[in-house]
Amino acid sequence: MRKAEVFNNGILAGILIEEGPNHYTFRYYDPYFNDPNKPAISLTLPKSQQEYHGEFLFPFFSNMVAEGTNLAIQGRYLKIDERDILSLLGATAENDTIGAVTIKLIAKK
């Protein structure tokens, strides 16, 4: 199981969990979810529910990673298998993203 914190404009919004190869969960943290002034992180992950489950990494997150040739180059440069999208997401979306959302992998203890 791997986890990543999800931030919106630097504010902790939720957690992304890879529970297995075919099971992902995104959950808004209670304080963020309960604050009506905090926006949803994505139109596809609205605050109409607090927890989402999927068989694949949610498109909102997977679309934050490079594609095609750039993905292959990025994978080689970072020494991360290009099929390991969560690791690539953590390595590339922590500090420098186009939008307001950033991702920080939670280190295993």
PDB file of N, CA and C in Angstrom:
ATOM      1  N   MET A   1       0.840  -1.172   0.000  1.00  0.00           N
ATOM      2  CA  MET A   1       0.000   0.000   0.000  1.00  0.00           C
ATOM      3  C   MET A   1       0.891   1.242   0.000  1.00  0.00           C
ATOM      4  N   ARG A   2       0.574   2.154  -0.919  1.00  0.00           N
ATOM      5  CA  ARG A   2       1.314   3.418  -0.975  1.00  0.00           C
ATOM      6  C   ARG A   2       0.325   4.568  -0.854  1.00  0.00           C
ATOM      7  N   LYS A   3       0.810   5.669  -0.269  1.00  0.00           N
ATOM      8  CA  LYS A   3      -0.051   6.819  -0.026  1.00  0.00           C
ATOM      9  C   LYS A   3       0.639   8.098  -0.470  1.00  0.00           C
ATOM     10  N   ALA A   4      -0.191   9.069  -0.851  1.00  0.00           N
ATOM     11  CA  ALA A   4       0.316  10.379  -1.222  1.00  0.00           C
ATOM     12  C   ALA A   4      -0.645  11.439  -0.701  1.00  0.00           C
ATOM     13  N   GLU A   5      -0.070  12.489  -0.141  1.00  0.00           N
ATOM     14  CA  GLU A   5      -0.888  13.616   0.288  1.00  0.00           C
ATOM     15  C   GLU A   5      -1.179  14.496  -0.917  1.00  0.00           C
ATOM     16  N   VAL A   6      -2.385  15.029  -0.964  1.00  0.00           N
ATOM     17  CA  VAL A   6      -2.818  15.876  -2.064  1.00  0.00           C
ATOM     18  C   VAL A   6      -3.073  17.273  -1.506  1.00  0.00           C
ATOM     19  N   PHE A   7      -2.399  18.260  -2.090  1.00  0.00           N
ATOM     20  CA  PHE A   7      -2.519  19.649  -1.652  1.00  0.00           C
ATOM     21  C   PHE A   7      -3.181  20.481  -2.737  1.00  0.00           C
ATOM     22  N   ASN A   8      -3.999  21.422  -2.313  1.00  0.00           N
ATOM     23  CA  ASN A   8      -4.601  22.371  -3.239  1.00  0.00           C
ATOM     24  C   ASN A   8      -4.174  23.767  -2.802  1.00  0.00           C
ATOM     25  N   ASN A   9      -3.403  24.431  -3.630  1.00  0.00           N
ATOM     26  CA  ASN A   9      -2.831  25.739  -3.284  1.00  0.00           C
ATOM     27  C   ASN A   9      -2.082  25.686  -1.955  1.00  0.00           C
ATOM     28  N   GLY A  10      -1.351  24.603  -1.733  1.00  0.00           N
ATOM     29  CA  GLY A  10      -0.547  24.453  -0.532  1.00  0.00           C
ATOM     30  C   GLY A  10      -1.310  23.989   0.696  1.00  0.00           C
ATOM     31  N   ILE A  11      -2.607  23.791   0.578  1.00  0.00           N
ATOM     32  CA  ILE A  11      -3.429  23.352   1.713  1.00  0.00           C
ATOM     33  C   ILE A  11      -3.719  21.864   1.558  1.00  0.00           C
ATOM     34  N   LEU A  12      -3.479  21.115   2.613  1.00  0.00           N
ATOM     35  CA  LEU A  12      -3.721  19.672   2.581  1.00  0.00           C
ATOM     36  C   LEU A  12      -5.202  19.410   2.341  1.00  0.00           C
ATOM     37  N   ALA A  13      -5.503  18.782   1.201  1.00  0.00           N
ATOM     38  CA  ALA A  13      -6.889  18.561   0.800  1.00  0.00           C
ATOM     39  C   ALA A  13      -7.334  17.117   1.015  1.00  0.00           C
ATOM     40  N   GLY A  14      -6.408  16.171   0.818  1.00  0.00           N
ATOM     41  CA  GLY A  14      -6.817  14.780   0.935  1.00  0.00           C
ATOM     42  C   GLY A  14      -5.657  13.821   0.804  1.00  0.00           C
ATOM     43  N   ILE A  15      -6.007  12.558   0.664  1.00  0.00           N
ATOM     44  CA  ILE A  15      -5.001  11.510   0.540  1.00  0.00           C
ATOM     45  C   ILE A  15      -5.375  10.591  -0.617  1.00  0.00           C
ATOM     46  N   LEU A  16      -4.360  10.218  -1.365  1.00  0.00           N
ATOM     47  CA  LEU A  16      -4.506   9.265  -2.460  1.00  0.00           C
ATOM     48  C   LEU A  16      -3.836   7.978  -2.017  1.00  0.00           C
ATOM     49  N   ILE A  17      -4.562   6.873  -2.105  1.00  0.00           N
ATOM     50  CA  ILE A  17      -4.045   5.587  -1.630  1.00  0.00           C
ATOM     51  C   ILE A  17      -4.078   4.574  -2.764  1.00  0.00           C
ATOM     52  N   GLU A  18      -2.942   3.932  -2.988  1.00  0.00           N
ATOM     53  CA  GLU A  18      -2.873   2.795  -3.906  1.00  0.00           C
ATOM     54  C   GLU A  18      -2.927   1.558  -3.025  1.00  0.00           C
ATOM     55  N   GLU A  19      -4.091   0.934  -2.964  1.00  0.00           N
ATOM     56  CA  GLU A  19      -4.275  -0.212  -2.082  1.00  0.00           C
ATOM     57  C   GLU A  19      -3.828  -1.508  -2.730  1.00  0.00           C
ATOM     58  N   GLY A  20      -3.677  -1.495  -4.018  1.00  0.00           N
ATOM     59  CA  GLY A  20      -3.254  -2.657  -4.787  1.00  0.00           C
ATOM     60  C   GLY A  20      -3.197  -2.263  -6.249  1.00  0.00           C
ATOM     61  N   PRO A  21      -2.809  -3.203  -7.106  1.00  0.00           N
ATOM     62  CA  PRO A  21      -2.652  -2.853  -8.519  1.00  0.00           C
ATOM     63  C   PRO A  21      -3.954  -2.410  -9.193  1.00  0.00           C
ATOM     64  N   ASN A  22      -5.077  -2.786  -8.654  1.00  0.00           N
ATOM     65  CA  ASN A  22      -6.360  -2.424  -9.255  1.00  0.00           C
ATOM     66  C   ASN A  22      -7.322  -1.786  -8.262  1.00  0.00           C
ATOM     67  N   HIS A  23      -6.781  -1.071  -7.270  1.00  0.00           N
ATOM     68  CA  HIS A  23      -7.665  -0.422  -6.306  1.00  0.00           C
ATOM     69  C   HIS A  23      -7.024   0.857  -5.781  1.00  0.00           C
ATOM     70  N   TYR A  24      -7.664   1.966  -6.120  1.00  0.00           N
ATOM     71  CA  TYR A  24      -7.209   3.285  -5.689  1.00  0.00           C
ATOM     72  C   TYR A  24      -8.327   3.968  -4.926  1.00  0.00           C
ATOM     73  N   THR A  25      -7.939   4.755  -3.949  1.00  0.00           N
ATOM     74  CA  THR A  25      -8.892   5.535  -3.172  1.00  0.00           C
ATOM     75  C   THR A  25      -8.373   6.958  -3.078  1.00  0.00           C
ATOM     76  N   PHE A  26      -9.263   7.902  -3.273  1.00  0.00           N
ATOM     77  CA  PHE A  26      -8.959   9.298  -2.944  1.00  0.00           C
ATOM     78  C   PHE A  26      -9.971   9.706  -1.889  1.00  0.00           C
ATOM     79  N   ARG A  27      -9.462  10.324  -0.816  1.00  0.00           N
ATOM     80  CA  ARG A  27     -10.344  10.757   0.274  1.00  0.00           C
ATOM     81  C   ARG A  27      -9.977  12.175   0.664  1.00  0.00           C
ATOM     82  N   TYR A  28     -11.005  13.032   0.698  1.00  0.00           N
ATOM     83  CA  TYR A  28     -10.807  14.385   1.218  1.00  0.00           C
ATOM     84  C   TYR A  28     -10.634  14.305   2.727  1.00  0.00           C
ATOM     85  N   TYR A  29      -9.686  15.073   3.274  1.00  0.00           N
ATOM     86  CA  TYR A  29      -9.547  15.155   4.728  1.00  0.00           C
ATOM     87  C   TYR A  29     -10.743  15.907   5.301  1.00  0.00           C
ATOM     88  N   ASP A  30     -11.147  15.523   6.496  1.00  0.00           N
ATOM     89  CA  ASP A  30     -12.337  16.098   7.122  1.00  0.00           C
ATOM     90  C   ASP A  30     -12.337  17.633   7.140  1.00  0.00           C
ATOM     91  N   PRO A  31     -11.274  18.293   7.627  1.00  0.00           N
ATOM     92  CA  PRO A  31     -11.318  19.762   7.693  1.00  0.00           C
ATOM     93  C   PRO A  31     -11.500  20.405   6.309  1.00  0.00           C
ATOM     94  N   TYR A  32     -10.868  19.831   5.298  1.00  0.00           N
ATOM     95  CA  TYR A  32     -10.990  20.372   3.951  1.00  0.00           C
ATOM     96  C   TYR A  32     -12.389  20.112   3.408  1.00  0.00           C
ATOM     97  N   PHE A  33     -12.872  18.907   3.569  1.00  0.00           N
ATOM     98  CA  PHE A  33     -14.188  18.527   3.058  1.00  0.00           C
ATOM     99  C   PHE A  33     -15.301  19.348   3.710  1.00  0.00           C
ATOM    100  N   ASN A  34     -15.180  19.583   5.001  1.00  0.00           N
ATOM    101  CA  ASN A  34     -16.233  20.275   5.746  1.00  0.00           C
ATOM    102  C   ASN A  34     -16.202  21.789   5.607  1.00  0.00           C
ATOM    103  N   ASP A  35     -15.178  22.337   4.976  1.00  0.00           N
ATOM    104  CA  ASP A  35     -15.080  23.787   4.781  1.00  0.00           C
ATOM    105  C   ASP A  35     -15.711  24.150   3.437  1.00  0.00           C
ATOM    106  N   PRO A  36     -16.867  24.812   3.451  1.00  0.00           N
ATOM    107  CA  PRO A  36     -17.546  25.138   2.194  1.00  0.00           C
ATOM    108  C   PRO A  36     -16.770  26.125   1.332  1.00  0.00           C
ATOM    109  N   ASN A  37     -15.783  26.802   1.894  1.00  0.00           N
ATOM    110  CA  ASN A  37     -14.974  27.753   1.127  1.00  0.00           C
ATOM    111  C   ASN A  37     -13.832  27.094   0.363  1.00  0.00           C
ATOM    112  N   LYS A  38     -13.576  25.824   0.657  1.00  0.00           N
ATOM    113  CA  LYS A  38     -12.499  25.098  -0.031  1.00  0.00           C
ATOM    114  C   LYS A  38     -13.089  24.415  -1.266  1.00  0.00           C
ATOM    115  N   PRO A  39     -12.485  24.644  -2.429  1.00  0.00           N
ATOM    116  CA  PRO A  39     -13.019  24.051  -3.661  1.00  0.00           C
ATOM    117  C   PRO A  39     -12.600  22.581  -3.808  1.00  0.00           C
ATOM    118  N   ALA A  40     -13.331  21.881  -4.645  1.00  0.00           N
ATOM    119  CA  ALA A  40     -12.936  20.518  -5.011  1.00  0.00           C
ATOM    120  C   ALA A  40     -11.600  20.598  -5.739  1.00  0.00           C
ATOM    121  N   ILE A  41     -10.800  19.551  -5.672  1.00  0.00           N
ATOM    122  CA  ILE A  41      -9.518  19.571  -6.371  1.00  0.00           C
ATOM    123  C   ILE A  41      -9.706  19.382  -7.867  1.00  0.00           C
ATOM    124  N   SER A  42     -10.856  18.839  -8.261  1.00  0.00           N
ATOM    125  CA  SER A  42     -11.125  18.559  -9.666  1.00  0.00           C
ATOM    126  C   SER A  42     -12.628  18.462  -9.889  1.00  0.00           C
ATOM    127  N   LEU A  43     -13.055  18.776 -11.098  1.00  0.00           N
ATOM    128  CA  LEU A  43     -14.474  18.589 -11.438  1.00  0.00           C
ATOM    129  C   LEU A  43     -14.852  17.113 -11.390  1.00  0.00           C
ATOM    130  N   THR A  44     -13.871  16.238 -11.615  1.00  0.00           N
ATOM    131  CA  THR A  44     -14.147  14.802 -11.604  1.00  0.00           C
ATOM    132  C   THR A  44     -14.083  14.196 -10.203  1.00  0.00           C
ATOM    133  N   LEU A  45     -13.653  14.984  -9.216  1.00  0.00           N
ATOM    134  CA  LEU A  45     -13.622  14.542  -7.812  1.00  0.00           C
ATOM    135  C   LEU A  45     -14.310  15.608  -6.957  1.00  0.00           C
ATOM    136  N   PRO A  46     -15.607  15.834  -7.215  1.00  0.00           N
ATOM    137  CA  PRO A  46     -16.314  16.901  -6.499  1.00  0.00           C
ATOM    138  C   PRO A  46     -16.460  16.609  -5.009  1.00  0.00           C
ATOM    139  N   LYS A  47     -16.691  17.658  -4.261  1.00  0.00           N
ATOM    140  CA  LYS A  47     -16.878  17.498  -2.823  1.00  0.00           C
ATOM    141  C   LYS A  47     -18.292  17.038  -2.481  1.00  0.00           C
ATOM    142  N   SER A  48     -18.992  16.479  -3.428  1.00  0.00           N
ATOM    143  CA  SER A  48     -20.320  15.919  -3.150  1.00  0.00           C
ATOM    144  C   SER A  48     -20.209  14.602  -2.388  1.00  0.00           C
ATOM    145  N   GLN A  49     -19.034  13.989  -2.427  1.00  0.00           N
ATOM    146  CA  GLN A  49     -18.760  12.825  -1.586  1.00  0.00           C
ATOM    147  C   GLN A  49     -17.327  12.933  -1.096  1.00  0.00           C
ATOM    148  N   GLN A  50     -17.047  12.303   0.031  1.00  0.00           N
ATOM    149  CA  GLN A  50     -15.750  12.456   0.669  1.00  0.00           C
ATOM    150  C   GLN A  50     -14.730  11.443   0.174  1.00  0.00           C
ATOM    151  N   GLU A  51     -15.187  10.301  -0.323  1.00  0.00           N
ATOM    152  CA  GLU A  51     -14.258   9.237  -0.708  1.00  0.00           C
ATOM    153  C   GLU A  51     -14.642   8.675  -2.070  1.00  0.00           C
ATOM    154  N   TYR A  52     -13.602   8.434  -2.879  1.00  0.00           N
ATOM    155  CA  TYR A  52     -13.769   7.876  -4.217  1.00  0.00           C
ATOM    156  C   TYR A  52     -12.917   6.618  -4.351  1.00  0.00           C
ATOM    157  N   HIS A  53     -13.433   5.641  -5.082  1.00  0.00           N
ATOM    158  CA  HIS A  53     -12.718   4.394  -5.312  1.00  0.00           C
ATOM    159  C   HIS A  53     -12.664   4.133  -6.814  1.00  0.00           C
ATOM    160  N   GLY A  54     -11.562   3.527  -7.256  1.00  0.00           N
ATOM    161  CA  GLY A  54     -11.444   3.199  -8.668  1.00  0.00           C
ATOM    162  C   GLY A  54     -10.508   2.029  -8.897  1.00  0.00           C
ATOM    163  N   GLU A  55     -10.678   1.378 -10.039  1.00  0.00           N
ATOM    164  CA  GLU A  55      -9.812   0.266 -10.426  1.00  0.00           C
ATOM    165  C   GLU A  55      -8.525   0.756 -11.072  1.00  0.00           C
ATOM    166  N   PHE A  56      -8.510   2.024 -11.468  1.00  0.00           N
ATOM    167  CA  PHE A  56      -7.342   2.640 -12.084  1.00  0.00           C
ATOM    168  C   PHE A  56      -7.061   3.944 -11.357  1.00  0.00           C
ATOM    169  N   LEU A  57      -5.824   4.420 -11.477  1.00  0.00           N
ATOM    170  CA  LEU A  57      -5.507   5.727 -10.918  1.00  0.00           C
ATOM    171  C   LEU A  57      -6.426   6.749 -11.570  1.00  0.00           C
ATOM    172  N   PHE A  58      -7.044   7.574 -10.780  1.00  0.00           N
ATOM    173  CA  PHE A  58      -8.014   8.538 -11.286  1.00  0.00           C
ATOM    174  C   PHE A  58      -7.389   9.389 -12.386  1.00  0.00           C
ATOM    175  N   PRO A  59      -8.090   9.598 -13.498  1.00  0.00           N
ATOM    176  CA  PRO A  59      -7.536  10.349 -14.624  1.00  0.00           C
ATOM    177  C   PRO A  59      -6.993  11.718 -14.226  1.00  0.00           C
ATOM    178  N   PHE A  60      -7.629  12.379 -13.256  1.00  0.00           N
ATOM    179  CA  PHE A  60      -7.122  13.682 -12.829  1.00  0.00           C
ATOM    180  C   PHE A  60      -5.657  13.591 -12.412  1.00  0.00           C
ATOM    181  N   PHE A  61      -5.304  12.530 -11.691  1.00  0.00           N
ATOM    182  CA  PHE A  61      -3.929  12.371 -11.222  1.00  0.00           C
ATOM    183  C   PHE A  61      -3.012  11.834 -12.316  1.00  0.00           C
ATOM    184  N   SER A  62      -3.447  10.836 -13.048  1.00  0.00           N
ATOM    185  CA  SER A  62      -2.582  10.270 -14.092  1.00  0.00           C
ATOM    186  C   SER A  62      -2.292  11.295 -15.189  1.00  0.00           C
ATOM    187  N   ASN A  63      -3.199  12.248 -15.403  1.00  0.00           N
ATOM    188  CA  ASN A  63      -2.963  13.282 -16.410  1.00  0.00           C
ATOM    189  C   ASN A  63      -1.945  14.329 -15.968  1.00  0.00           C
ATOM    190  N   MET A  64      -1.521  14.267 -14.723  1.00  0.00           N
ATOM    191  CA  MET A  64      -0.490  15.181 -14.238  1.00  0.00           C
ATOM    192  C   MET A  64       0.917  14.705 -14.621  1.00  0.00           C
ATOM    193  N   VAL A  65       1.009  13.498 -15.156  1.00  0.00           N
ATOM    194  CA  VAL A  65       2.294  12.900 -15.533  1.00  0.00           C
ATOM    195  C   VAL A  65       2.482  13.050 -17.043  1.00  0.00           C
ATOM    196  N   ALA A  66       3.717  13.169 -17.465  1.00  0.00           N
ATOM    197  CA  ALA A  66       4.030  13.295 -18.888  1.00  0.00           C
ATOM    198  C   ALA A  66       3.517  12.086 -19.673  1.00  0.00           C
ATOM    199  N   GLU A  67       3.450  12.241 -20.984  1.00  0.00           N
ATOM    200  CA  GLU A  67       2.989  11.158 -21.851  1.00  0.00           C
ATOM    201  C   GLU A  67       4.024  10.888 -22.937  1.00  0.00           C
ATOM    202  N   GLY A  68       3.888   9.728 -23.565  1.00  0.00           N
ATOM    203  CA  GLY A  68       4.686   9.396 -24.744  1.00  0.00           C
ATOM    204  C   GLY A  68       6.183   9.437 -24.515  1.00  0.00           C
ATOM    205  N   THR A  69       6.876  10.065 -25.448  1.00  0.00           N
ATOM    206  CA  THR A  69       8.334  10.148 -25.391  1.00  0.00           C
ATOM    207  C   THR A  69       8.804  10.843 -24.125  1.00  0.00           C
ATOM    208  N   ASN A  70       8.094  11.897 -23.727  1.00  0.00           N
ATOM    209  CA  ASN A  70       8.483  12.610 -22.505  1.00  0.00           C
ATOM    210  C   ASN A  70       8.373  11.723 -21.272  1.00  0.00           C
ATOM    211  N   LEU A  71       7.378  10.853 -21.248  1.00  0.00           N
ATOM    212  CA  LEU A  71       7.233   9.909 -20.137  1.00  0.00           C
ATOM    213  C   LEU A  71       8.411   8.943 -20.106  1.00  0.00           C
ATOM    214  N   ALA A  72       8.802   8.444 -21.256  1.00  0.00           N
ATOM    215  CA  ALA A  72       9.938   7.519 -21.324  1.00  0.00           C
ATOM    216  C   ALA A  72      11.221   8.210 -20.872  1.00  0.00           C
ATOM    217  N   ILE A  73      11.430   9.430 -21.310  1.00  0.00           N
ATOM    218  CA  ILE A  73      12.627  10.188 -20.917  1.00  0.00           C
ATOM    219  C   ILE A  73      12.602  10.450 -19.419  1.00  0.00           C
ATOM    220  N   GLN A  74      11.454  10.873 -18.936  1.00  0.00           N
ATOM    221  CA  GLN A  74      11.309  11.155 -17.509  1.00  0.00           C
ATOM    222  C   GLN A  74      11.584   9.909 -16.674  1.00  0.00           C
ATOM    223  N   GLY A  75      11.033   8.777 -17.095  1.00  0.00           N
ATOM    224  CA  GLY A  75      11.256   7.527 -16.378  1.00  0.00           C
ATOM    225  C   GLY A  75      12.724   7.139 -16.331  1.00  0.00           C
ATOM    226  N   ARG A  76      13.401   7.264 -17.464  1.00  0.00           N
ATOM    227  CA  ARG A  76      14.837   6.930 -17.490  1.00  0.00           C
ATOM    228  C   ARG A  76      15.631   7.890 -16.615  1.00  0.00           C
ATOM    229  N   TYR A  77      15.343   9.175 -16.719  1.00  0.00           N
ATOM    230  CA  TYR A  77      16.073  10.186 -15.957  1.00  0.00           C
ATOM    231  C   TYR A  77      15.893   9.980 -14.452  1.00  0.00           C
ATOM    232  N   LEU A  78      14.666   9.676 -14.035  1.00  0.00           N
ATOM    233  CA  LEU A  78      14.368   9.507 -12.615  1.00  0.00           C
ATOM    234  C   LEU A  78      14.596   8.087 -12.113  1.00  0.00           C
ATOM    235  N   LYS A  79      14.910   7.173 -13.054  1.00  0.00           N
ATOM    236  CA  LYS A  79      15.104   5.759 -12.730  1.00  0.00           C
ATOM    237  C   LYS A  79      13.846   5.163 -12.101  1.00  0.00           C
ATOM    238  N   ILE A  80      12.708   5.487 -12.736  1.00  0.00           N
ATOM    239  CA  ILE A  80      11.403   4.976 -12.303  1.00  0.00           C
ATOM    240  C   ILE A  80      10.756   4.325 -13.512  1.00  0.00           C
ATOM    241  N   ASP A  81      10.239   3.125 -13.318  1.00  0.00           N
ATOM    242  CA  ASP A  81       9.533   2.429 -14.393  1.00  0.00           C
ATOM    243  C   ASP A  81       8.383   3.308 -14.867  1.00  0.00           C
ATOM    244  N   GLU A  82       8.282   3.541 -16.162  1.00  0.00           N
ATOM    245  CA  GLU A  82       7.252   4.446 -16.677  1.00  0.00           C
ATOM    246  C   GLU A  82       5.830   3.925 -16.463  1.00  0.00           C
ATOM    247  N   ARG A  83       5.686   2.677 -16.088  1.00  0.00           N
ATOM    248  CA  ARG A  83       4.362   2.139 -15.753  1.00  0.00           C
ATOM    249  C   ARG A  83       3.971   2.435 -14.307  1.00  0.00           C
ATOM    250  N   ASP A  84       4.940   2.869 -13.506  1.00  0.00           N
ATOM    251  CA  ASP A  84       4.697   3.182 -12.093  1.00  0.00           C
ATOM    252  C   ASP A  84       4.272   4.650 -11.977  1.00  0.00           C
ATOM    253  N   ILE A  85       3.042   4.899 -12.362  1.00  0.00           N
ATOM    254  CA  ILE A  85       2.547   6.264 -12.449  1.00  0.00           C
ATOM    255  C   ILE A  85       2.534   6.970 -11.088  1.00  0.00           C
ATOM    256  N   LEU A  86       2.219   6.265 -10.023  1.00  0.00           N
ATOM    257  CA  LEU A  86       2.183   6.905  -8.709  1.00  0.00           C
ATOM    258  C   LEU A  86       3.572   7.404  -8.300  1.00  0.00           C
ATOM    259  N   SER A  87       4.608   6.622  -8.552  1.00  0.00           N
ATOM    260  CA  SER A  87       5.964   7.073  -8.232  1.00  0.00           C
ATOM    261  C   SER A  87       6.366   8.255  -9.090  1.00  0.00           C
ATOM    262  N   LEU A  88       6.027   8.207 -10.366  1.00  0.00           N
ATOM    263  CA  LEU A  88       6.324   9.341 -11.253  1.00  0.00           C
ATOM    264  C   LEU A  88       5.555  10.584 -10.810  1.00  0.00           C
ATOM    265  N   LEU A  89       4.323  10.388 -10.405  1.00  0.00           N
ATOM    266  CA  LEU A  89       3.514  11.500  -9.916  1.00  0.00           C
ATOM    267  C   LEU A  89       4.163  12.134  -8.695  1.00  0.00           C
ATOM    268  N   GLY A  90       4.609  11.300  -7.770  1.00  0.00           N
ATOM    269  CA  GLY A  90       5.264  11.819  -6.568  1.00  0.00           C
ATOM    270  C   GLY A  90       6.576  12.516  -6.868  1.00  0.00           C
ATOM    271  N   ALA A  91       7.297  12.009  -7.863  1.00  0.00           N
ATOM    272  CA  ALA A  91       8.597  12.587  -8.202  1.00  0.00           C
ATOM    273  C   ALA A  91       8.477  13.890  -8.993  1.00  0.00           C
ATOM    274  N   THR A  92       7.365  14.074  -9.681  1.00  0.00           N
ATOM    275  CA  THR A  92       7.253  15.237 -10.562  1.00  0.00           C
ATOM    276  C   THR A  92       6.204  16.258 -10.147  1.00  0.00           C
ATOM    277  N   ALA A  93       5.252  15.884  -9.324  1.00  0.00           N
ATOM    278  CA  ALA A  93       4.140  16.789  -9.018  1.00  0.00           C
ATOM    279  C   ALA A  93       4.168  17.327  -7.593  1.00  0.00           C
ATOM    280  N   GLU A  94       5.329  17.265  -6.951  1.00  0.00           N
ATOM    281  CA  GLU A  94       5.395  17.787  -5.588  1.00  0.00           C
ATOM    282  C   GLU A  94       5.606  19.294  -5.560  1.00  0.00           C
ATOM    283  N   ASN A  95       6.391  19.806  -6.474  1.00  0.00           N
ATOM    284  CA  ASN A  95       6.734  21.230  -6.422  1.00  0.00           C
ATOM    285  C   ASN A  95       6.316  22.024  -7.650  1.00  0.00           C
ATOM    286  N   ASP A  96       6.398  21.426  -8.813  1.00  0.00           N
ATOM    287  CA  ASP A  96       6.230  22.192 -10.034  1.00  0.00           C
ATOM    288  C   ASP A  96       5.121  21.601 -10.897  1.00  0.00           C
ATOM    289  N   THR A  97       3.918  22.144 -10.741  1.00  0.00           N
ATOM    290  CA  THR A  97       2.797  21.680 -11.548  1.00  0.00           C
ATOM    291  C   THR A  97       2.164  22.876 -12.245  1.00  0.00           C
ATOM    292  N   ILE A  98       1.383  22.599 -13.261  1.00  0.00           N
ATOM    293  CA  ILE A  98       0.717  23.671 -13.992  1.00  0.00           C
ATOM    294  C   ILE A  98      -0.433  24.242 -13.175  1.00  0.00           C
ATOM    295  N   GLY A  99      -1.155  23.399 -12.469  1.00  0.00           N
ATOM    296  CA  GLY A  99      -2.317  23.846 -11.709  1.00  0.00           C
ATOM    297  C   GLY A  99      -2.021  24.045 -10.238  1.00  0.00           C
ATOM    298  N   ALA A 100      -3.085  24.089  -9.462  1.00  0.00           N
ATOM    299  CA  ALA A 100      -2.987  24.364  -8.036  1.00  0.00           C
ATOM    300  C   ALA A 100      -2.687  23.125  -7.204  1.00  0.00           C
ATOM    301  N   VAL A 101      -2.847  21.937  -7.794  1.00  0.00           N
ATOM    302  CA  VAL A 101      -2.723  20.692  -7.037  1.00  0.00           C
ATOM    303  C   VAL A 101      -1.289  20.163  -7.093  1.00  0.00           C
ATOM    304  N   THR A 102      -0.773  19.806  -5.930  1.00  0.00           N
ATOM    305  CA  THR A 102       0.538  19.159  -5.828  1.00  0.00           C
ATOM    306  C   THR A 102       0.377  17.862  -5.043  1.00  0.00           C
ATOM    307  N   ILE A 103       1.341  16.962  -5.239  1.00  0.00           N
ATOM    308  CA  ILE A 103       1.281  15.627  -4.650  1.00  0.00           C
ATOM    309  C   ILE A 103       2.586  15.352  -3.912  1.00  0.00           C
ATOM    310  N   LYS A 104       2.476  14.789  -2.722  1.00  0.00           N
ATOM    311  CA  LYS A 104       3.663  14.425  -1.960  1.00  0.00           C
ATOM    312  C   LYS A 104       3.506  12.982  -1.477  1.00  0.00           C
ATOM    313  N   LEU A 105       4.380  12.091  -1.968  1.00  0.00           N
ATOM    314  CA  LEU A 105       4.340  10.704  -1.510  1.00  0.00           C
ATOM    315  C   LEU A 105       4.669  10.643  -0.030  1.00  0.00           C
ATOM    316  N   ILE A 106       3.988   9.790   0.682  1.00  0.00           N
ATOM    317  CA  ILE A 106       4.245   9.593   2.108  1.00  0.00           C
ATOM    318  C   ILE A 106       5.228   8.441   2.222  1.00  0.00           C
ATOM    319  N   ALA A 107       6.361   8.698   2.834  1.00  0.00           N
ATOM    320  CA  ALA A 107       7.409   7.682   2.972  1.00  0.00           C
ATOM    321  C   ALA A 107       6.916   6.543   3.855  1.00  0.00           C
ATOM    322  N   LYS A 108       7.285   5.330   3.463  1.00  0.00           N
ATOM    323  CA  LYS A 108       6.937   4.171   4.290  1.00  0.00           C
ATOM    324  C   LYS A 108       7.777   4.174   5.539  1.00  0.00           C
ATOM    325  N   LYS A 109       7.178   3.747   6.632  1.00  0.00           N
ATOM    326  CA  LYS A 109       7.909   3.727   7.922  1.00  0.00           C
ATOM    327  C   LYS A 109       8.428   2.364   8.192  1.00  0.00           C
TER     328      LYS A 109
END
